[in-house]
Amino acid sequence: MPYSPEQIHELDVLIRYNLDSGQQGIKVHKNANPEFIEAVQRLYQKGLLTHRDGGYLTDLGRHAAEHAQALILILAPHSMAS
């Protein structure tokens, strides 16, 4: 089953969180990309974020963000140089 465009936008939100600090959140302004705004709102409704406009990761959100960020690293192109 391929990722839906909505899921891709949600993953894009999750990879923006700094996992080194639980004290850093994000704030999505009303003039941001509509797909990004909607993704943040869906993540909030799913219980992954603390506010409709971003905020902090919940425990579940942190877990999801860890996986999303790990996936990005795994799938990143690697240098073929020896």
N, C-alpha and C. Protein backbone atom coordinates (compact mmCIF):
# COMPACT_ATOMS: atom_id res chain seq x y z
N MET A 1 0.85 -1.17 0.00
CA MET A 1 0.00 0.00 0.00
C MET A 1 0.90 1.24 0.00
N PRO A 2 0.78 2.08 -1.00
CA PRO A 2 1.62 3.29 -1.06
C PRO A 2 1.14 4.34 -0.06
N TYR A 3 2.07 5.22 0.32
CA TYR A 3 1.70 6.35 1.18
C TYR A 3 0.77 7.28 0.42
N SER A 4 -0.20 7.83 1.12
CA SER A 4 -1.08 8.84 0.52
C SER A 4 -0.38 10.20 0.60
N PRO A 5 -0.79 11.15 -0.22
CA PRO A 5 -0.21 12.49 -0.13
C PRO A 5 -0.37 13.08 1.28
N GLU A 6 -1.49 12.79 1.93
CA GLU A 6 -1.71 13.29 3.29
C GLU A 6 -0.68 12.72 4.26
N GLN A 7 -0.39 11.43 4.13
CA GLN A 7 0.60 10.80 5.00
C GLN A 7 1.99 11.37 4.75
N ILE A 8 2.31 11.64 3.51
CA ILE A 8 3.61 12.23 3.18
C ILE A 8 3.73 13.60 3.86
N HIS A 9 2.67 14.39 3.82
CA HIS A 9 2.70 15.70 4.48
C HIS A 9 2.85 15.55 6.00
N GLU A 10 2.20 14.55 6.56
CA GLU A 10 2.32 14.31 8.00
C GLU A 10 3.74 13.89 8.35
N LEU A 11 4.34 13.04 7.54
CA LEU A 11 5.73 12.65 7.77
C LEU A 11 6.64 13.87 7.67
N ASP A 12 6.35 14.75 6.72
CA ASP A 12 7.14 15.97 6.55
C ASP A 12 7.08 16.83 7.81
N VAL A 13 5.94 16.87 8.45
CA VAL A 13 5.82 17.62 9.71
C VAL A 13 6.68 16.94 10.78
N LEU A 14 6.54 15.64 10.91
CA LEU A 14 7.24 14.91 11.98
C LEU A 14 8.76 15.00 11.87
N ILE A 15 9.28 15.06 10.66
CA ILE A 15 10.74 15.11 10.53
C ILE A 15 11.29 16.50 10.85
N ARG A 16 10.44 17.48 11.01
CA ARG A 16 10.89 18.84 11.34
C ARG A 16 11.13 19.05 12.83
N TYR A 17 10.67 18.12 13.64
CA TYR A 17 10.85 18.26 15.09
C TYR A 17 12.27 17.89 15.49
N ASN A 18 12.82 18.68 16.41
CA ASN A 18 14.15 18.42 16.96
C ASN A 18 13.97 17.43 18.11
N LEU A 19 14.44 16.22 17.92
CA LEU A 19 14.29 15.19 18.94
C LEU A 19 15.33 15.28 20.04
N ASP A 20 16.31 16.15 19.88
CA ASP A 20 17.34 16.33 20.91
C ASP A 20 16.80 17.12 22.09
N SER A 21 15.68 17.81 21.91
CA SER A 21 15.12 18.61 22.98
C SER A 21 13.60 18.50 22.98
N GLY A 22 13.06 18.12 24.10
CA GLY A 22 11.61 18.08 24.24
C GLY A 22 11.03 19.46 24.47
N GLN A 23 11.91 20.45 24.58
CA GLN A 23 11.48 21.82 24.86
C GLN A 23 11.31 22.65 23.60
N GLN A 24 11.52 22.06 22.44
CA GLN A 24 11.35 22.78 21.19
C GLN A 24 10.15 22.23 20.44
N GLY A 25 9.23 23.12 20.14
CA GLY A 25 8.06 22.74 19.36
C GLY A 25 8.09 23.48 18.04
N ILE A 26 6.99 23.42 17.32
CA ILE A 26 6.87 24.21 16.10
C ILE A 26 5.56 24.98 16.16
N LYS A 27 5.53 26.09 15.49
CA LYS A 27 4.34 26.93 15.39
C LYS A 27 4.06 27.11 13.91
N VAL A 28 2.89 26.68 13.46
CA VAL A 28 2.52 26.80 12.06
C VAL A 28 1.59 28.01 11.93
N HIS A 29 2.03 28.96 11.15
CA HIS A 29 1.26 30.19 10.97
C HIS A 29 0.19 30.00 9.90
N LYS A 30 -0.82 30.84 9.94
CA LYS A 30 -1.96 30.71 9.03
C LYS A 30 -1.59 30.96 7.57
N ASN A 31 -0.43 31.56 7.31
CA ASN A 31 -0.01 31.79 5.93
C ASN A 31 0.93 30.69 5.42
N ALA A 32 1.08 29.62 6.19
CA ALA A 32 1.91 28.48 5.76
C ALA A 32 1.21 27.72 4.64
N ASN A 33 1.93 26.82 4.02
CA ASN A 33 1.40 25.96 2.97
C ASN A 33 0.15 25.25 3.51
N PRO A 34 -0.98 25.32 2.79
CA PRO A 34 -2.23 24.69 3.27
C PRO A 34 -2.08 23.20 3.57
N GLU A 35 -1.31 22.47 2.77
CA GLU A 35 -1.12 21.04 3.03
C GLU A 35 -0.40 20.81 4.35
N PHE A 36 0.53 21.70 4.67
CA PHE A 36 1.28 21.59 5.92
C PHE A 36 0.35 21.88 7.10
N ILE A 37 -0.46 22.93 6.98
CA ILE A 37 -1.41 23.28 8.03
C ILE A 37 -2.36 22.11 8.29
N GLU A 38 -2.89 21.54 7.22
CA GLU A 38 -3.82 20.42 7.37
C GLU A 38 -3.15 19.20 7.98
N ALA A 39 -1.89 18.95 7.61
CA ALA A 39 -1.16 17.82 8.18
C ALA A 39 -0.97 18.01 9.68
N VAL A 40 -0.63 19.21 10.10
CA VAL A 40 -0.46 19.50 11.53
C VAL A 40 -1.77 19.28 12.26
N GLN A 41 -2.86 19.73 11.68
CA GLN A 41 -4.17 19.55 12.32
C GLN A 41 -4.54 18.07 12.43
N ARG A 42 -4.23 17.29 11.40
CA ARG A 42 -4.50 15.84 11.46
C ARG A 42 -3.66 15.18 12.54
N LEU A 43 -2.40 15.57 12.63
CA LEU A 43 -1.53 14.98 13.67
C LEU A 43 -2.03 15.35 15.06
N TYR A 44 -2.54 16.56 15.21
CA TYR A 44 -3.12 16.97 16.49
C TYR A 44 -4.34 16.09 16.80
N GLN A 45 -5.22 15.90 15.82
CA GLN A 45 -6.42 15.10 16.01
C GLN A 45 -6.08 13.64 16.35
N LYS A 46 -4.96 13.17 15.85
CA LYS A 46 -4.52 11.80 16.11
C LYS A 46 -3.79 11.68 17.45
N GLY A 47 -3.58 12.80 18.12
CA GLY A 47 -2.94 12.78 19.43
C GLY A 47 -1.43 12.79 19.39
N LEU A 48 -0.84 13.21 18.27
CA LEU A 48 0.61 13.24 18.15
C LEU A 48 1.21 14.60 18.50
N LEU A 49 0.39 15.65 18.44
CA LEU A 49 0.85 17.01 18.74
C LEU A 49 -0.03 17.60 19.85
N THR A 50 0.52 18.57 20.57
CA THR A 50 -0.20 19.16 21.69
C THR A 50 -1.15 20.28 21.30
N HIS A 51 -0.98 20.88 20.12
CA HIS A 51 -1.84 21.99 19.69
C HIS A 51 -2.20 21.85 18.22
N ARG A 52 -3.32 22.46 17.85
CA ARG A 52 -3.78 22.43 16.45
C ARG A 52 -2.80 23.11 15.51
N ASP A 53 -2.01 24.04 16.02
CA ASP A 53 -1.06 24.75 15.17
C ASP A 53 0.38 24.29 15.41
N GLY A 54 0.52 23.08 15.92
CA GLY A 54 1.84 22.50 16.12
C GLY A 54 2.09 22.19 17.58
N GLY A 55 2.81 23.06 18.23
CA GLY A 55 3.14 22.82 19.63
C GLY A 55 4.24 21.78 19.77
N TYR A 56 4.08 20.95 20.77
CA TYR A 56 5.08 19.93 21.08
C TYR A 56 4.58 18.55 20.68
N LEU A 57 5.50 17.63 20.62
CA LEU A 57 5.13 16.23 20.38
C LEU A 57 4.59 15.62 21.67
N THR A 58 3.54 14.84 21.55
CA THR A 58 3.09 14.02 22.68
C THR A 58 4.03 12.81 22.74
N ASP A 59 3.85 11.95 23.72
CA ASP A 59 4.68 10.74 23.78
C ASP A 59 4.51 9.91 22.50
N LEU A 60 3.28 9.77 22.05
CA LEU A 60 3.02 9.03 20.81
C LEU A 60 3.65 9.76 19.62
N GLY A 61 3.54 11.08 19.62
CA GLY A 61 4.13 11.88 18.54
C GLY A 61 5.64 11.75 18.50
N ARG A 62 6.27 11.73 19.66
CA ARG A 62 7.72 11.57 19.70
C ARG A 62 8.12 10.21 19.13
N HIS A 63 7.38 9.20 19.49
CA HIS A 63 7.65 7.85 18.98
C HIS A 63 7.53 7.84 17.45
N ALA A 64 6.46 8.45 16.95
CA ALA A 64 6.25 8.51 15.49
C ALA A 64 7.35 9.33 14.82
N ALA A 65 7.74 10.44 15.43
CA ALA A 65 8.79 11.29 14.85
C ALA A 65 10.13 10.55 14.82
N GLU A 66 10.41 9.79 15.86
CA GLU A 66 11.65 9.00 15.87
C GLU A 66 11.68 8.04 14.69
N HIS A 67 10.57 7.37 14.45
CA HIS A 67 10.49 6.43 13.32
C HIS A 67 10.57 7.16 11.99
N ALA A 68 9.88 8.27 11.87
CA ALA A 68 9.90 9.04 10.62
C ALA A 68 11.30 9.54 10.31
N GLN A 69 11.98 10.04 11.33
CA GLN A 69 13.33 10.56 11.11
C GLN A 69 14.31 9.43 10.82
N ALA A 70 14.13 8.28 11.45
CA ALA A 70 14.98 7.13 11.15
C ALA A 70 14.78 6.67 9.71
N LEU A 71 13.53 6.66 9.27
CA LEU A 71 13.23 6.25 7.91
C LEU A 71 13.90 7.18 6.89
N ILE A 72 13.84 8.47 7.14
CA ILE A 72 14.49 9.43 6.24
C ILE A 72 15.99 9.15 6.15
N LEU A 73 16.62 8.86 7.28
CA LEU A 73 18.05 8.57 7.28
C LEU A 73 18.36 7.27 6.53
N ILE A 74 17.52 6.26 6.74
CA ILE A 74 17.73 4.97 6.07
C ILE A 74 17.58 5.11 4.56
N LEU A 75 16.61 5.91 4.13
CA LEU A 75 16.33 6.04 2.70
C LEU A 75 17.18 7.11 2.01
N ALA A 76 17.93 7.88 2.77
CA ALA A 76 18.75 8.95 2.18
C ALA A 76 19.79 8.34 1.25
N PRO A 77 20.03 9.02 0.14
CA PRO A 77 21.07 8.50 -0.78
C PRO A 77 22.43 8.51 -0.09
N HIS A 78 23.17 7.46 -0.29
CA HIS A 78 24.50 7.34 0.30
C HIS A 78 25.54 7.53 -0.78
N SER A 79 26.63 8.09 -0.40
CA SER A 79 27.72 8.30 -1.33
C SER A 79 28.29 6.95 -1.74
N MET A 80 28.51 6.78 -3.04
CA MET A 80 29.08 5.54 -3.55
C MET A 80 30.60 5.61 -3.62
N ALA A 81 31.15 6.76 -3.21
CA ALA A 81 32.62 6.93 -3.26
C ALA A 81 33.26 6.05 -2.19
N SER A 82 34.42 5.49 -2.52
CA SER A 82 35.12 4.64 -1.55
C SER A 82 36.17 5.44 -0.82
